[in-house]
Amino acid sequence: MDLATIIGIVVGVFFIGSAIIIGPAPVAFVNIPAMLIVLGGTLATTLIRFPARVVFTTMKVANNAFRNTVDPPHDLISKIVELAEKSRRDSLLSLENVPIKDEFLKKGIQLCVDGTEPEVLRETLRTEMDGIVERHRRGQRIFKGIAESAPAFGMIGTLIGLVNMLVKMDDPSAIGPQMAVALLTTLYGAVIANLFANPVADKLSERSNLELQNKEIVIQGIMGILAANHPRVVETRLLSYLAPKMRAQVSASNKQQRQKAA
């Protein structure tokens, strides 16, 4: 689980909720008509902008904001270097029965073993990588769309509340409820956009960038293995994707593993 996402949402809800609860009238912040305007309008707009199938399957993509499913890049590099060493020591065919956790890396190694031409292999992996990234970006666009629609319908609710209030100016008892609708729709829209939709979209973008980096590491590593490059050359090339501090740690860890194996 990604504790940062969960803690962020919980902290936001806690402080906003606390400010409401310690106020003079917490119940006044619960308004069904205002909720219907914002939630109903946002859902309707999302369904208009995107296919229904895509909208309802986006929850699976949204799971990436709450769970870190991307493998650390240094683990991938260590595994690829291990495969490069085995390929150089035994043969490329010896990689066929090596257990590989990452499905993208596993598919690439299988293509290597099957004798796929380098350019065909690269193109195949990049096509799959582009498909994965596009699915993630589609999920980001949906949440960005929600972040745009919720405040807009908050403003629509405000206008509806103001119109109803002006119509009821001769009835002082009706002014308060209509003003509540006018203000609370704006509040609901702002909370949905800024506490949920926008942060989730940004977290999905970050996850997508990390996965894109991992896929690029895999492709470069597999091309190095296929070209029979020395494992140290493969390692040096892949470490360039990491921050300098992480490069030193991974390089030292791989060196220790080689010494133990020797």
Foldseek 3Di string as FASTA:
>chain_A
DPVVLVVLLVVVCVVVLVVLVPDPDNVLLDDVVLCCLQVVQLVVVLCVVDPPVLVVCLVVLLVCLVDVPFDDLLVVLLVLLVLLVCCLVPHLLVCLPPDDDDPLLNVLSVCLNVPHDLVVSLVVLVVVLVVVLVSLVSSLVSLVSSLVRQQVSLQVQLVQLVVVLVVCVVPVVSNVSSNSSNNSSNVRSNCCNPSPSNVSSVSSVVSSVSVSLSSVLSSLSSSCSSVSHNSVVNSVVSLVSDDPVVSVVSVVVSVVVVVVVD
